[in-house]
Amino acid sequence: MISKLVLVLLLTLSLTGKEFKKKVDKKHNVYNQHCLPCHKHLPYSLEKIYMLYLKTFSGELTFKASLKAFLKEPLEETSVMPDEWIENFSVKEKTILSDKELDEAIDTYWELYDVRNKLH
């Protein structure tokens, strides 16, 4: 009887874990599809870019608003990237994402690299 209970419990936990992973993957879908493919080939990691934005725009609201504004209208003058980066790679192209998708991707970006989440 106890072995059946343990088996049912393990199966439930296994299925719950898979459903949780699906929800997390779906939640980060825009970020995974539209941000990671380009950035994984660049010498500056997304984490390093995050730190540059965080150093420049320390609060969550200013960080997200400035990143969104830049992605919608990328200009050399508003980039936080070092001059040598811009000389070598130029400024990125304007985003093709809708405002809703862009907000979702930026929220995911913030959530993944937020240093406060790593302090717990």
Protein backbone atom coordinates (compact mmCIF):
# COMPACT_ATOMS: atom_id res chain seq x y z
CA MET A 1 0.00 0.00 0.00
CA ILE A 2 2.78 2.44 0.92
CA SER A 3 4.66 1.63 -2.30
CA LYS A 4 1.54 2.46 -4.35
CA LEU A 5 1.18 5.74 -2.48
CA VAL A 6 4.85 6.59 -3.10
CA LEU A 7 4.47 5.67 -6.78
CA VAL A 8 1.40 7.90 -7.17
CA LEU A 9 3.17 10.72 -5.36
CA LEU A 10 6.25 10.43 -7.57
CA LEU A 11 4.16 10.36 -10.75
CA THR A 12 2.22 13.40 -9.60
CA LEU A 13 5.40 15.31 -8.84
CA SER A 14 6.89 14.26 -12.16
CA LEU A 15 3.88 15.46 -14.14
CA THR A 16 3.61 18.66 -12.12
CA GLY A 17 7.28 19.43 -12.84
CA LYS A 18 6.73 18.95 -16.59
CA GLU A 19 3.68 21.22 -16.55
CA PHE A 20 5.61 23.84 -14.60
CA LYS A 21 8.46 23.68 -17.15
CA LYS A 22 5.95 24.09 -20.01
CA LYS A 23 4.48 27.17 -18.31
CA VAL A 24 7.95 28.65 -17.74
CA ASP A 25 8.96 27.92 -21.35
CA LYS A 26 5.74 29.48 -22.67
CA LYS A 27 6.18 32.48 -20.39
CA HIS A 28 9.67 33.07 -21.79
CA ASN A 29 8.70 32.21 -25.37
CA VAL A 30 9.09 35.70 -26.90
CA TYR A 31 12.46 36.17 -25.21
CA ASN A 32 13.67 32.72 -26.29
CA GLN A 33 12.52 33.15 -29.89
CA HIS A 34 13.42 36.78 -30.54
CA CYS A 35 16.32 37.70 -28.25
CA LEU A 36 18.46 34.63 -27.67
CA PRO A 37 19.12 33.60 -31.30
CA CYS A 38 21.01 36.81 -32.16
CA HIS A 39 22.65 37.45 -28.81
CA LYS A 40 24.11 33.98 -28.39
CA HIS A 41 26.54 34.72 -31.23
CA LEU A 42 27.73 38.07 -29.92
CA PRO A 43 30.78 38.59 -27.70
CA TYR A 44 28.77 40.53 -25.09
CA SER A 45 26.48 38.18 -23.17
CA LEU A 46 22.95 39.21 -22.34
CA GLU A 47 24.01 39.19 -18.70
CA LYS A 48 26.79 41.71 -19.38
CA ILE A 49 24.39 43.94 -21.34
CA TYR A 50 21.93 43.63 -18.45
CA MET A 51 24.63 44.85 -16.07
CA LEU A 52 25.40 47.83 -18.33
CA TYR A 53 21.71 48.78 -18.33
CA LEU A 54 21.43 48.24 -14.59
CA LYS A 55 24.48 50.43 -13.95
CA THR A 56 23.02 53.19 -16.14
CA PHE A 57 19.34 52.87 -15.17
CA SER A 58 19.39 51.46 -11.65
CA GLY A 59 15.68 51.00 -11.01
CA GLU A 60 13.42 48.39 -12.57
CA LEU A 61 11.02 50.94 -14.09
CA THR A 62 13.73 53.12 -15.63
CA PHE A 63 15.64 50.03 -16.79
CA LYS A 64 12.61 48.57 -18.57
CA ALA A 65 11.39 51.90 -19.99
CA SER A 66 14.80 52.86 -21.36
CA LEU A 67 15.41 49.41 -22.85
CA LYS A 68 11.99 49.44 -24.49
CA ALA A 69 12.53 52.93 -25.90
CA PHE A 70 15.93 51.90 -27.26
CA LEU A 71 14.63 48.70 -28.86
CA LYS A 72 11.80 50.62 -30.53
CA GLU A 73 14.12 53.36 -31.79
CA PRO A 74 17.76 52.28 -31.51
CA LEU A 75 20.18 55.20 -31.76
CA GLU A 76 23.90 55.36 -31.13
CA GLU A 77 23.34 58.28 -28.75
CA THR A 78 20.98 56.28 -26.51
CA SER A 79 22.92 53.02 -26.52
CA VAL A 80 24.61 51.89 -23.31
CA MET A 81 27.12 49.81 -25.25
CA PRO A 82 30.76 50.95 -25.32
CA ASP A 83 31.91 52.96 -28.36
CA GLU A 84 34.16 50.12 -29.58
CA TRP A 85 31.13 47.78 -29.58
CA ILE A 86 29.17 50.17 -31.78
CA GLU A 87 32.18 50.64 -34.07
CA ASN A 88 32.49 46.87 -34.52
CA PHE A 89 28.83 45.82 -34.54
CA SER A 90 26.81 49.04 -35.08
CA VAL A 91 23.48 49.70 -33.43
CA LYS A 92 20.85 46.99 -33.63
CA GLU A 93 17.88 47.22 -35.95
CA LYS A 94 14.50 48.44 -34.77
CA THR A 95 12.46 45.71 -33.09
CA ILE A 96 9.69 43.93 -34.97
CA LEU A 97 7.92 43.00 -31.74
CA SER A 98 4.60 44.50 -30.70
CA ASP A 99 4.50 46.52 -27.47
CA LYS A 100 2.96 43.55 -25.65
CA GLU A 101 5.63 41.14 -26.91
CA LEU A 102 8.37 43.63 -26.15
CA ASP A 103 7.10 44.09 -22.59
CA GLU A 104 6.98 40.31 -22.16
CA ALA A 105 10.54 39.88 -23.44
CA ILE A 106 11.86 42.71 -21.25
CA ASP A 107 10.04 41.32 -18.20
CA THR A 108 11.63 37.93 -18.87
CA TYR A 109 15.04 39.54 -19.32
CA TRP A 110 14.68 41.39 -16.02
CA GLU A 111 13.46 38.27 -14.23
CA LEU A 112 16.29 36.06 -15.52
CA TYR A 113 19.13 38.41 -14.60
CA ASP A 114 17.70 40.33 -11.63
CA VAL A 115 20.46 40.19 -9.05
CA ARG A 116 17.97 40.40 -6.21
CA ASN A 117 16.60 36.97 -7.22
CA LYS A 118 20.08 35.54 -6.75
CA LEU A 119 20.48 36.89 -3.22
CA HIS A 120 17.82 34.63 -1.65
